[in-house]
Protein backbone atom coordinates (compact mmCIF):
# COMPACT_ATOMS: atom_id res chain seq x y z
CA MET A 1 73.40 -97.76 -58.07
CA ILE A 2 73.08 -96.37 -54.55
CA VAL A 3 71.48 -93.15 -53.29
CA VAL A 4 72.78 -91.32 -50.23
CA SER A 5 70.52 -88.63 -48.77
CA ASN A 6 71.49 -85.84 -46.43
CA ARG A 7 68.93 -83.92 -44.40
CA ILE A 8 70.31 -80.42 -43.83
CA PRO A 9 68.64 -77.95 -41.46
CA VAL A 10 68.76 -74.34 -42.65
CA ALA A 11 67.69 -71.56 -40.32
CA LYS A 12 65.06 -69.13 -41.52
CA GLY A 13 66.69 -66.08 -43.03
CA HIS A 14 69.67 -68.10 -44.31
CA ILE A 15 68.02 -69.90 -47.23
CA ALA A 16 69.52 -67.68 -49.94
CA GLU A 17 73.01 -68.03 -48.42
CA PHE A 18 72.62 -71.81 -48.23
CA GLU A 19 71.54 -72.08 -51.86
CA GLN A 20 74.40 -69.79 -52.95
CA SER A 21 76.90 -71.95 -51.08
CA PHE A 22 75.71 -74.97 -53.07
CA ALA A 23 75.93 -73.03 -56.33
CA GLY A 24 79.48 -72.00 -55.39
CA ARG A 25 80.62 -75.61 -54.98
CA ALA A 26 79.67 -76.58 -58.52
CA GLY A 27 81.77 -79.47 -59.78
CA MET A 28 83.09 -80.49 -56.37
CA VAL A 29 81.28 -83.83 -56.33
CA GLU A 30 80.26 -84.02 -59.99
CA SER A 31 83.82 -84.71 -61.09
CA ARG A 32 84.30 -87.70 -58.77
CA PRO A 33 84.51 -91.19 -60.30
CA GLY A 34 81.23 -93.08 -59.92
CA PHE A 35 79.11 -89.97 -59.34
CA VAL A 36 75.78 -90.09 -61.20
CA ARG A 37 73.76 -87.05 -60.08
CA LEU A 38 72.89 -84.72 -57.22
CA GLU A 39 69.59 -83.06 -56.35
CA ILE A 40 68.81 -80.25 -53.92
CA LEU A 41 65.24 -80.55 -52.71
CA ARG A 42 63.87 -77.33 -51.23
CA PRO A 43 61.50 -77.79 -48.29
CA MET A 44 57.92 -76.61 -48.58
CA GLN A 45 56.90 -76.90 -44.93
CA SER A 46 60.05 -77.44 -42.90
CA ASP A 47 63.55 -76.05 -42.38
CA TYR A 48 65.29 -79.14 -43.80
CA TYR A 49 66.70 -79.49 -47.30
CA ILE A 50 67.11 -83.01 -48.65
CA VAL A 51 70.20 -83.57 -50.78
CA PRO A 52 70.30 -87.00 -52.43
CA THR A 53 73.44 -88.00 -54.31
CA HIS A 54 73.36 -90.94 -56.69
CA TRP A 55 76.45 -93.12 -57.08
CA LYS A 56 77.37 -95.98 -59.40
CA ASP A 57 78.26 -98.13 -56.38
CA GLU A 58 79.14 -98.00 -52.69
CA VAL A 59 82.87 -98.10 -53.42
CA SER A 60 82.60 -94.82 -55.35
CA PHE A 61 80.62 -93.18 -52.56
CA ARG A 62 83.07 -94.36 -49.88
CA ALA A 63 85.99 -92.99 -51.92
CA TRP A 64 84.20 -89.60 -51.99
CA THR A 65 83.86 -89.60 -48.21
CA MET A 66 87.61 -90.10 -47.80
CA ILE A 67 88.67 -86.89 -49.56
CA LYS A 68 89.04 -83.59 -47.71
CA GLY A 69 86.74 -81.56 -49.99
CA PRO A 70 83.36 -82.52 -48.45
CA ARG A 71 84.60 -81.83 -44.96
CA ARG A 72 85.94 -78.44 -46.03
CA LEU A 73 82.59 -77.58 -47.63
CA CYS A 74 80.71 -78.53 -44.46
CA ARG A 75 82.94 -76.33 -42.32
CA LEU A 76 82.62 -73.46 -44.78
CA SER A 77 78.82 -73.75 -44.83
CA ARG A 78 78.57 -73.80 -41.04
CA HIS A 79 80.83 -70.79 -40.76
CA SER A 80 79.20 -68.69 -43.48
CA LEU A 81 75.69 -69.37 -42.18
CA GLY A 82 76.42 -68.58 -38.57
CA ASN A 83 76.19 -72.26 -37.52
CA ALA A 84 72.68 -72.46 -39.00
CA LEU A 85 73.52 -75.89 -40.40
């Protein structure tokens, strides 16, 4: 198993929007072959969320990075949060 973590800055005042955008993408990564689990860790003293995804192996993770969905989600998040990410 491998774990890939993303550190995502979220501007103050945009936390609710950020969390809603994650809720709205339900199933986007969970349905991918080799996916194990995803966590969204809310910061207590910073503006950065940590989002670790757990994968069966590196091949599964690399296959996920090659599809257009993650890129589309990133663009959508940046746009909807006023480039806060």
